[in-house]
Amino acid sequence: MQAFLEYVVKGLVDRPDAVTITPVDRNGLTTYELRLHPTDVGKIIGRQGGTIHAIRSLAQVGGSRKGLRCTVEIVEERPED
């Protein structure tokens, strides 16, 4: 699933080298934490959240075929003050 998400996300952004996807397991749910360049966040979210909604749907369907529960979250890195 992680390789599939990387393929999809890297195809949508301007800086694919900055994309990292980290799986985190919590109580039977795998959350794929998506980190990318700040200028690419809007492209992944899409207009009214359409793109990230589609990515999450693909992750849920792909995971359910393997008997897994999964979701995708965008983690925005904030500079520390």
PDB file of N, CA and C in Angstrom:
ATOM      1  N   MET A   1       0.822  -1.188   0.000  1.00  0.00           N
ATOM      2  CA  MET A   1       0.000   0.000   0.000  1.00  0.00           C
ATOM      3  C   MET A   1       0.870   1.258   0.000  1.00  0.00           C
ATOM      4  N   GLN A   2       1.956   1.241   0.753  1.00  0.00           N
ATOM      5  CA  GLN A   2       2.828   2.411   0.838  1.00  0.00           C
ATOM      6  C   GLN A   2       3.428   2.750  -0.533  1.00  0.00           C
ATOM      7  N   ALA A   3       3.866   1.727  -1.265  1.00  0.00           N
ATOM      8  CA  ALA A   3       4.446   1.964  -2.594  1.00  0.00           C
ATOM      9  C   ALA A   3       3.396   2.534  -3.547  1.00  0.00           C
ATOM     10  N   PHE A   4       2.178   2.059  -3.451  1.00  0.00           N
ATOM     11  CA  PHE A   4       1.101   2.577  -4.290  1.00  0.00           C
ATOM     12  C   PHE A   4       0.830   4.051  -3.983  1.00  0.00           C
ATOM     13  N   LEU A   5       0.754   4.394  -2.693  1.00  0.00           N
ATOM     14  CA  LEU A   5       0.513   5.782  -2.310  1.00  0.00           C
ATOM     15  C   LEU A   5       1.654   6.692  -2.772  1.00  0.00           C
ATOM     16  N   GLU A   6       2.895   6.205  -2.646  1.00  0.00           N
ATOM     17  CA  GLU A   6       4.028   7.000  -3.118  1.00  0.00           C
ATOM     18  C   GLU A   6       3.919   7.259  -4.617  1.00  0.00           C
ATOM     19  N   TYR A   7       3.549   6.239  -5.374  1.00  0.00           N
ATOM     20  CA  TYR A   7       3.397   6.380  -6.820  1.00  0.00           C
ATOM     21  C   TYR A   7       2.348   7.438  -7.164  1.00  0.00           C
ATOM     22  N   VAL A   8       1.212   7.384  -6.503  1.00  0.00           N
ATOM     23  CA  VAL A   8       0.120   8.316  -6.784  1.00  0.00           C
ATOM     24  C   VAL A   8       0.505   9.736  -6.390  1.00  0.00           C
ATOM     25  N   VAL A   9       1.019   9.901  -5.174  1.00  0.00           N
ATOM     26  CA  VAL A   9       1.330  11.241  -4.667  1.00  0.00           C
ATOM     27  C   VAL A   9       2.481  11.871  -5.441  1.00  0.00           C
ATOM     28  N   LYS A  10       3.525  11.107  -5.708  1.00  0.00           N
ATOM     29  CA  LYS A  10       4.670  11.666  -6.434  1.00  0.00           C
ATOM     30  C   LYS A  10       4.294  12.080  -7.848  1.00  0.00           C
ATOM     31  N   GLY A  11       3.286  11.468  -8.418  1.00  0.00           N
ATOM     32  CA  GLY A  11       2.817  11.852  -9.739  1.00  0.00           C
ATOM     33  C   GLY A  11       2.028  13.152  -9.750  1.00  0.00           C
ATOM     34  N   LEU A  12       1.580  13.598  -8.587  1.00  0.00           N
ATOM     35  CA  LEU A  12       0.760  14.806  -8.500  1.00  0.00           C
ATOM     36  C   LEU A  12       1.525  16.062  -8.099  1.00  0.00           C
ATOM     37  N   VAL A  13       2.695  15.908  -7.493  1.00  0.00           N
ATOM     38  CA  VAL A  13       3.400  17.058  -6.923  1.00  0.00           C
ATOM     39  C   VAL A  13       4.524  17.549  -7.831  1.00  0.00           C
ATOM     40  N   ASP A  14       4.995  18.775  -7.549  1.00  0.00           N
ATOM     41  CA  ASP A  14       6.109  19.354  -8.299  1.00  0.00           C
ATOM     42  C   ASP A  14       7.464  18.891  -7.764  1.00  0.00           C
ATOM     43  N   ARG A  15       7.518  18.533  -6.488  1.00  0.00           N
ATOM     44  CA  ARG A  15       8.769  18.100  -5.867  1.00  0.00           C
ATOM     45  C   ARG A  15       8.624  16.686  -5.298  1.00  0.00           C
ATOM     46  N   PRO A  16       8.690  15.675  -6.160  1.00  0.00           N
ATOM     47  CA  PRO A  16       8.505  14.299  -5.691  1.00  0.00           C
ATOM     48  C   PRO A  16       9.617  13.814  -4.771  1.00  0.00           C
ATOM     49  N   ASP A  17      10.787  14.434  -4.841  1.00  0.00           N
ATOM     50  CA  ASP A  17      11.885  14.025  -3.960  1.00  0.00           C
ATOM     51  C   ASP A  17      11.615  14.386  -2.504  1.00  0.00           C
ATOM     52  N   ALA A  18      10.697  15.314  -2.246  1.00  0.00           N
ATOM     53  CA  ALA A  18      10.389  15.735  -0.883  1.00  0.00           C
ATOM     54  C   ALA A  18       9.265  14.911  -0.249  1.00  0.00           C
ATOM     55  N   VAL A  19       8.694  13.974  -0.988  1.00  0.00           N
ATOM     56  CA  VAL A  19       7.568  13.178  -0.481  1.00  0.00           C
ATOM     57  C   VAL A  19       8.080  12.024   0.371  1.00  0.00           C
ATOM     58  N   THR A  20       7.548  11.915   1.591  1.00  0.00           N
ATOM     59  CA  THR A  20       7.806  10.749   2.436  1.00  0.00           C
ATOM     60  C   THR A  20       6.471  10.274   3.007  1.00  0.00           C
ATOM     61  N   ILE A  21       6.318   8.967   3.035  1.00  0.00           N
ATOM     62  CA  ILE A  21       5.101   8.368   3.582  1.00  0.00           C
ATOM     63  C   ILE A  21       5.523   7.387   4.668  1.00  0.00           C
ATOM     64  N   THR A  22       4.988   7.606   5.868  1.00  0.00           N
ATOM     65  CA  THR A  22       5.341   6.789   7.016  1.00  0.00           C
ATOM     66  C   THR A  22       4.091   6.082   7.540  1.00  0.00           C
ATOM     67  N   PRO A  23       4.091   4.748   7.576  1.00  0.00           N
ATOM     68  CA  PRO A  23       2.940   4.040   8.145  1.00  0.00           C
ATOM     69  C   PRO A  23       3.025   4.010   9.672  1.00  0.00           C
ATOM     70  N   VAL A  24       1.901   4.300  10.330  1.00  0.00           N
ATOM     71  CA  VAL A  24       1.814   4.264  11.786  1.00  0.00           C
ATOM     72  C   VAL A  24       0.617   3.394  12.146  1.00  0.00           C
ATOM     73  N   ASP A  25       0.862   2.324  12.904  1.00  0.00           N
ATOM     74  CA  ASP A  25      -0.212   1.411  13.316  1.00  0.00           C
ATOM     75  C   ASP A  25      -0.748   1.820  14.679  1.00  0.00           C
ATOM     76  N   ARG A  26      -2.069   1.992  14.749  1.00  0.00           N
ATOM     77  CA  ARG A  26      -2.736   2.342  16.007  1.00  0.00           C
ATOM     78  C   ARG A  26      -4.039   1.559  16.107  1.00  0.00           C
ATOM     79  N   ASN A  27      -4.108   0.641  17.033  1.00  0.00           N
ATOM     80  CA  ASN A  27      -5.335  -0.108  17.324  1.00  0.00           C
ATOM     81  C   ASN A  27      -5.977  -0.725  16.077  1.00  0.00           C
ATOM     82  N   GLY A  28      -5.190  -1.366  15.253  1.00  0.00           N
ATOM     83  CA  GLY A  28      -5.715  -2.038  14.068  1.00  0.00           C
ATOM     84  C   GLY A  28      -5.949  -1.133  12.872  1.00  0.00           C
ATOM     85  N   LEU A  29      -5.632   0.148  13.004  1.00  0.00           N
ATOM     86  CA  LEU A  29      -5.783   1.099  11.904  1.00  0.00           C
ATOM     87  C   LEU A  29      -4.396   1.586  11.497  1.00  0.00           C
ATOM     88  N   THR A  30      -4.056   1.448  10.229  1.00  0.00           N
ATOM     89  CA  THR A  30      -2.787   1.949   9.732  1.00  0.00           C
ATOM     90  C   THR A  30      -3.011   3.333   9.138  1.00  0.00           C
ATOM     91  N   THR A  31      -2.330   4.316   9.707  1.00  0.00           N
ATOM     92  CA  THR A  31      -2.397   5.678   9.207  1.00  0.00           C
ATOM     93  C   THR A  31      -1.120   5.964   8.450  1.00  0.00           C
ATOM     94  N   TYR A  32      -1.255   6.318   7.187  1.00  0.00           N
ATOM     95  CA  TYR A  32      -0.097   6.680   6.387  1.00  0.00           C
ATOM     96  C   TYR A  32       0.081   8.187   6.500  1.00  0.00           C
ATOM     97  N   GLU A  33       1.162   8.596   7.179  1.00  0.00           N
ATOM     98  CA  GLU A  33       1.439  10.015   7.373  1.00  0.00           C
ATOM     99  C   GLU A  33       2.209  10.528   6.172  1.00  0.00           C
ATOM    100  N   LEU A  34       1.628  11.479   5.503  1.00  0.00           N
ATOM    101  CA  LEU A  34       2.178  12.032   4.270  1.00  0.00           C
ATOM    102  C   LEU A  34       2.867  13.353   4.567  1.00  0.00           C
ATOM    103  N   ARG A  35       4.171  13.408   4.292  1.00  0.00           N
ATOM    104  CA  ARG A  35       4.938  14.637   4.460  1.00  0.00           C
ATOM    105  C   ARG A  35       5.451  15.062   3.091  1.00  0.00           C
ATOM    106  N   LEU A  36       5.242  16.330   2.763  1.00  0.00           N
ATOM    107  CA  LEU A  36       5.694  16.826   1.473  1.00  0.00           C
ATOM    108  C   LEU A  36       6.073  18.291   1.573  1.00  0.00           C
ATOM    109  N   HIS A  37       6.603  18.816   0.490  1.00  0.00           N
ATOM    110  CA  HIS A  37       7.034  20.207   0.455  1.00  0.00           C
ATOM    111  C   HIS A  37       5.817  21.109   0.670  1.00  0.00           C
ATOM    112  N   PRO A  38       5.976  22.194   1.437  1.00  0.00           N
ATOM    113  CA  PRO A  38       4.822  23.062   1.736  1.00  0.00           C
ATOM    114  C   PRO A  38       4.094  23.596   0.495  1.00  0.00           C
ATOM    115  N   THR A  39       4.804  23.792  -0.607  1.00  0.00           N
ATOM    116  CA  THR A  39       4.142  24.301  -1.806  1.00  0.00           C
ATOM    117  C   THR A  39       3.281  23.241  -2.492  1.00  0.00           C
ATOM    118  N   ASP A  40       3.477  21.971  -2.151  1.00  0.00           N
ATOM    119  CA  ASP A  40       2.719  20.889  -2.768  1.00  0.00           C
ATOM    120  C   ASP A  40       1.491  20.468  -1.965  1.00  0.00           C
ATOM    121  N   VAL A  41       1.335  20.995  -0.765  1.00  0.00           N
ATOM    122  CA  VAL A  41       0.212  20.589   0.086  1.00  0.00           C
ATOM    123  C   VAL A  41      -1.118  20.903  -0.589  1.00  0.00           C
ATOM    124  N   GLY A  42      -1.232  22.068  -1.186  1.00  0.00           N
ATOM    125  CA  GLY A  42      -2.474  22.451  -1.853  1.00  0.00           C
ATOM    126  C   GLY A  42      -2.832  21.546  -3.013  1.00  0.00           C
ATOM    127  N   LYS A  43      -1.821  21.043  -3.723  1.00  0.00           N
ATOM    128  CA  LYS A  43      -2.082  20.149  -4.849  1.00  0.00           C
ATOM    129  C   LYS A  43      -2.642  18.818  -4.373  1.00  0.00           C
ATOM    130  N   ILE A  44      -2.159  18.346  -3.241  1.00  0.00           N
ATOM    131  CA  ILE A  44      -2.640  17.070  -2.710  1.00  0.00           C
ATOM    132  C   ILE A  44      -4.026  17.229  -2.093  1.00  0.00           C
ATOM    133  N   ILE A  45      -4.289  18.361  -1.460  1.00  0.00           N
ATOM    134  CA  ILE A  45      -5.621  18.580  -0.900  1.00  0.00           C
ATOM    135  C   ILE A  45      -6.635  18.766  -2.022  1.00  0.00           C
ATOM    136  N   GLY A  46      -6.292  19.555  -3.017  1.00  0.00           N
ATOM    137  CA  GLY A  46      -7.185  19.752  -4.151  1.00  0.00           C
ATOM    138  C   GLY A  46      -8.313  20.716  -3.848  1.00  0.00           C
ATOM    139  N   ARG A  47      -9.075  21.009  -4.880  1.00  0.00           N
ATOM    140  CA  ARG A  47     -10.187  21.938  -4.723  1.00  0.00           C
ATOM    141  C   ARG A  47     -11.258  21.303  -3.855  1.00  0.00           C
ATOM    142  N   GLN A  48     -11.585  21.974  -2.769  1.00  0.00           N
ATOM    143  CA  GLN A  48     -12.561  21.511  -1.777  1.00  0.00           C
ATOM    144  C   GLN A  48     -12.242  20.126  -1.236  1.00  0.00           C
ATOM    145  N   GLY A  49     -10.942  19.766  -1.217  1.00  0.00           N
ATOM    146  CA  GLY A  49     -10.521  18.501  -0.641  1.00  0.00           C
ATOM    147  C   GLY A  49     -10.757  17.297  -1.527  1.00  0.00           C
ATOM    148  N   GLY A  50     -11.032  17.520  -2.781  1.00  0.00           N
ATOM    149  CA  GLY A  50     -11.375  16.420  -3.678  1.00  0.00           C
ATOM    150  C   GLY A  50     -10.246  15.433  -3.903  1.00  0.00           C
ATOM    151  N   THR A  51      -9.025  15.941  -4.051  1.00  0.00           N
ATOM    152  CA  THR A  51      -7.899  15.053  -4.339  1.00  0.00           C
ATOM    153  C   THR A  51      -7.551  14.181  -3.136  1.00  0.00           C
ATOM    154  N   ILE A  52      -7.453  14.776  -1.953  1.00  0.00           N
ATOM    155  CA  ILE A  52      -7.111  13.978  -0.768  1.00  0.00           C
ATOM    156  C   ILE A  52      -8.243  13.000  -0.453  1.00  0.00           C
ATOM    157  N   HIS A  53      -9.462  13.382  -0.727  1.00  0.00           N
ATOM    158  CA  HIS A  53     -10.586  12.464  -0.513  1.00  0.00           C
ATOM    159  C   HIS A  53     -10.455  11.244  -1.429  1.00  0.00           C
ATOM    160  N   ALA A  54     -10.079  11.476  -2.676  1.00  0.00           N
ATOM    161  CA  ALA A  54      -9.898  10.374  -3.621  1.00  0.00           C
ATOM    162  C   ALA A  54      -8.737   9.476  -3.198  1.00  0.00           C
ATOM    163  N   ILE A  55      -7.647  10.073  -2.725  1.00  0.00           N
ATOM    164  CA  ILE A  55      -6.490   9.292  -2.272  1.00  0.00           C
ATOM    165  C   ILE A  55      -6.874   8.436  -1.068  1.00  0.00           C
ATOM    166  N   ARG A  56      -7.627   9.018  -0.142  1.00  0.00           N
ATOM    167  CA  ARG A  56      -8.069   8.257   1.034  1.00  0.00           C
ATOM    168  C   ARG A  56      -8.995   7.110   0.631  1.00  0.00           C
ATOM    169  N   SER A  57      -9.863   7.361  -0.331  1.00  0.00           N
ATOM    170  CA  SER A  57     -10.765   6.304  -0.802  1.00  0.00           C
ATOM    171  C   SER A  57      -9.989   5.151  -1.421  1.00  0.00           C
ATOM    172  N   LEU A  58      -8.977   5.473  -2.237  1.00  0.00           N
ATOM    173  CA  LEU A  58      -8.139   4.435  -2.826  1.00  0.00           C
ATOM    174  C   LEU A  58      -7.421   3.626  -1.750  1.00  0.00           C
ATOM    175  N   ALA A  59      -6.933   4.304  -0.716  1.00  0.00           N
ATOM    176  CA  ALA A  59      -6.239   3.610   0.371  1.00  0.00           C
ATOM    177  C   ALA A  59      -7.195   2.678   1.117  1.00  0.00           C
ATOM    178  N   GLN A  60      -8.414   3.147   1.374  1.00  0.00           N
ATOM    179  CA  GLN A  60      -9.380   2.322   2.093  1.00  0.00           C
ATOM    180  C   GLN A  60      -9.786   1.098   1.284  1.00  0.00           C
ATOM    181  N   VAL A  61     -10.020   1.275  -0.008  1.00  0.00           N
ATOM    182  CA  VAL A  61     -10.417   0.152  -0.852  1.00  0.00           C
ATOM    183  C   VAL A  61      -9.267  -0.840  -0.989  1.00  0.00           C
ATOM    184  N   GLY A  62      -8.063  -0.331  -1.230  1.00  0.00           N
ATOM    185  CA  GLY A  62      -6.897  -1.211  -1.346  1.00  0.00           C
ATOM    186  C   GLY A  62      -6.619  -1.967  -0.062  1.00  0.00           C
ATOM    187  N   GLY A  63      -6.768  -1.293   1.063  1.00  0.00           N
ATOM    188  CA  GLY A  63      -6.564  -1.953   2.348  1.00  0.00           C
ATOM    189  C   GLY A  63      -7.628  -2.984   2.650  1.00  0.00           C
ATOM    190  N   SER A  64      -8.870  -2.678   2.311  1.00  0.00           N
ATOM    191  CA  SER A  64      -9.954  -3.620   2.618  1.00  0.00           C
ATOM    192  C   SER A  64      -9.820  -4.902   1.806  1.00  0.00           C
ATOM    193  N   ARG A  65      -9.243  -4.814   0.622  1.00  0.00           N
ATOM    194  CA  ARG A  65      -9.022  -6.023  -0.179  1.00  0.00           C
ATOM    195  C   ARG A  65      -8.017  -6.952   0.485  1.00  0.00           C
ATOM    196  N   LYS A  66      -7.141  -6.377   1.314  1.00  0.00           N
ATOM    197  CA  LYS A  66      -6.151  -7.179   2.030  1.00  0.00           C
ATOM    198  C   LYS A  66      -6.554  -7.401   3.487  1.00  0.00           C
ATOM    199  N   GLY A  67      -7.752  -6.971   3.847  1.00  0.00           N
ATOM    200  CA  GLY A  67      -8.233  -7.158   5.205  1.00  0.00           C
ATOM    201  C   GLY A  67      -7.648  -6.158   6.184  1.00  0.00           C
ATOM    202  N   LEU A  68      -7.230  -5.001   5.707  1.00  0.00           N
ATOM    203  CA  LEU A  68      -6.629  -3.974   6.553  1.00  0.00           C
ATOM    204  C   LEU A  68      -7.511  -2.736   6.596  1.00  0.00           C
ATOM    205  N   ARG A  69      -7.394  -1.994   7.678  1.00  0.00           N
ATOM    206  CA  ARG A  69      -8.039  -0.692   7.775  1.00  0.00           C
ATOM    207  C   ARG A  69      -6.939   0.358   7.663  1.00  0.00           C
ATOM    208  N   CYS A  70      -7.096   1.306   6.751  1.00  0.00           N
ATOM    209  CA  CYS A  70      -6.060   2.318   6.612  1.00  0.00           C
ATOM    210  C   CYS A  70      -6.650   3.648   6.172  1.00  0.00           C
ATOM    211  N   THR A  71      -5.887   4.699   6.453  1.00  0.00           N
ATOM    212  CA  THR A  71      -6.263   6.054   6.080  1.00  0.00           C
ATOM    213  C   THR A  71      -4.994   6.843   5.775  1.00  0.00           C
ATOM    214  N   VAL A  72      -5.163   8.034   5.240  1.00  0.00           N
ATOM    215  CA  VAL A  72      -4.038   8.893   4.872  1.00  0.00           C
ATOM    216  C   VAL A  72      -4.222  10.241   5.547  1.00  0.00           C
ATOM    217  N   GLU A  73      -3.168  10.733   6.180  1.00  0.00           N
ATOM    218  CA  GLU A  73      -3.187  12.043   6.818  1.00  0.00           C
ATOM    219  C   GLU A  73      -2.016  12.860   6.309  1.00  0.00           C
ATOM    220  N   ILE A  74      -2.238  14.136   6.079  1.00  0.00           N
ATOM    221  CA  ILE A  74      -1.163  15.043   5.687  1.00  0.00           C
ATOM    222  C   ILE A  74      -0.581  15.658   6.960  1.00  0.00           C
ATOM    223  N   VAL A  75       0.734  15.528   7.121  1.00  0.00           N
ATOM    224  CA  VAL A  75       1.422  16.096   8.273  1.00  0.00           C
ATOM    225  C   VAL A  75       2.191  17.315   7.783  1.00  0.00           C
ATOM    226  N   GLU A  76       1.800  18.473   8.272  1.00  0.00           N
ATOM    227  CA  GLU A  76       2.465  19.699   7.875  1.00  0.00           C
ATOM    228  C   GLU A  76       3.551  20.020   8.891  1.00  0.00           C
ATOM    229  N   GLU A  77       4.757  20.211   8.390  1.00  0.00           N
ATOM    230  CA  GLU A  77       5.881  20.549   9.253  1.00  0.00           C
ATOM    231  C   GLU A  77       5.831  22.057   9.518  1.00  0.00           C
ATOM    232  N   ARG A  78       5.763  22.416  10.770  1.00  0.00           N
ATOM    233  CA  ARG A  78       5.742  23.821  11.163  1.00  0.00           C
ATOM    234  C   ARG A  78       7.118  24.207  11.695  1.00  0.00           C
ATOM    235  N   PRO A  79       7.650  25.342  11.261  1.00  0.00           N
ATOM    236  CA  PRO A  79       8.946  25.773  11.827  1.00  0.00           C
ATOM    237  C   PRO A  79       8.769  26.158  13.285  1.00  0.00           C
ATOM    238  N   GLU A  80       9.713  25.722  14.097  1.00  0.00           N
ATOM    239  CA  GLU A  80       9.630  26.035  15.532  1.00  0.00           C
ATOM    240  C   GLU A  80      10.051  27.471  15.782  1.00  0.00           C
ATOM    241  N   ASP A  81       9.361  28.137  16.713  1.00  0.00           N
ATOM    242  CA  ASP A  81       9.683  29.534  17.027  1.00  0.00           C
ATOM    243  C   ASP A  81      10.792  29.616  18.053  1.00  0.00           C
TER     244      ASP A  81
END
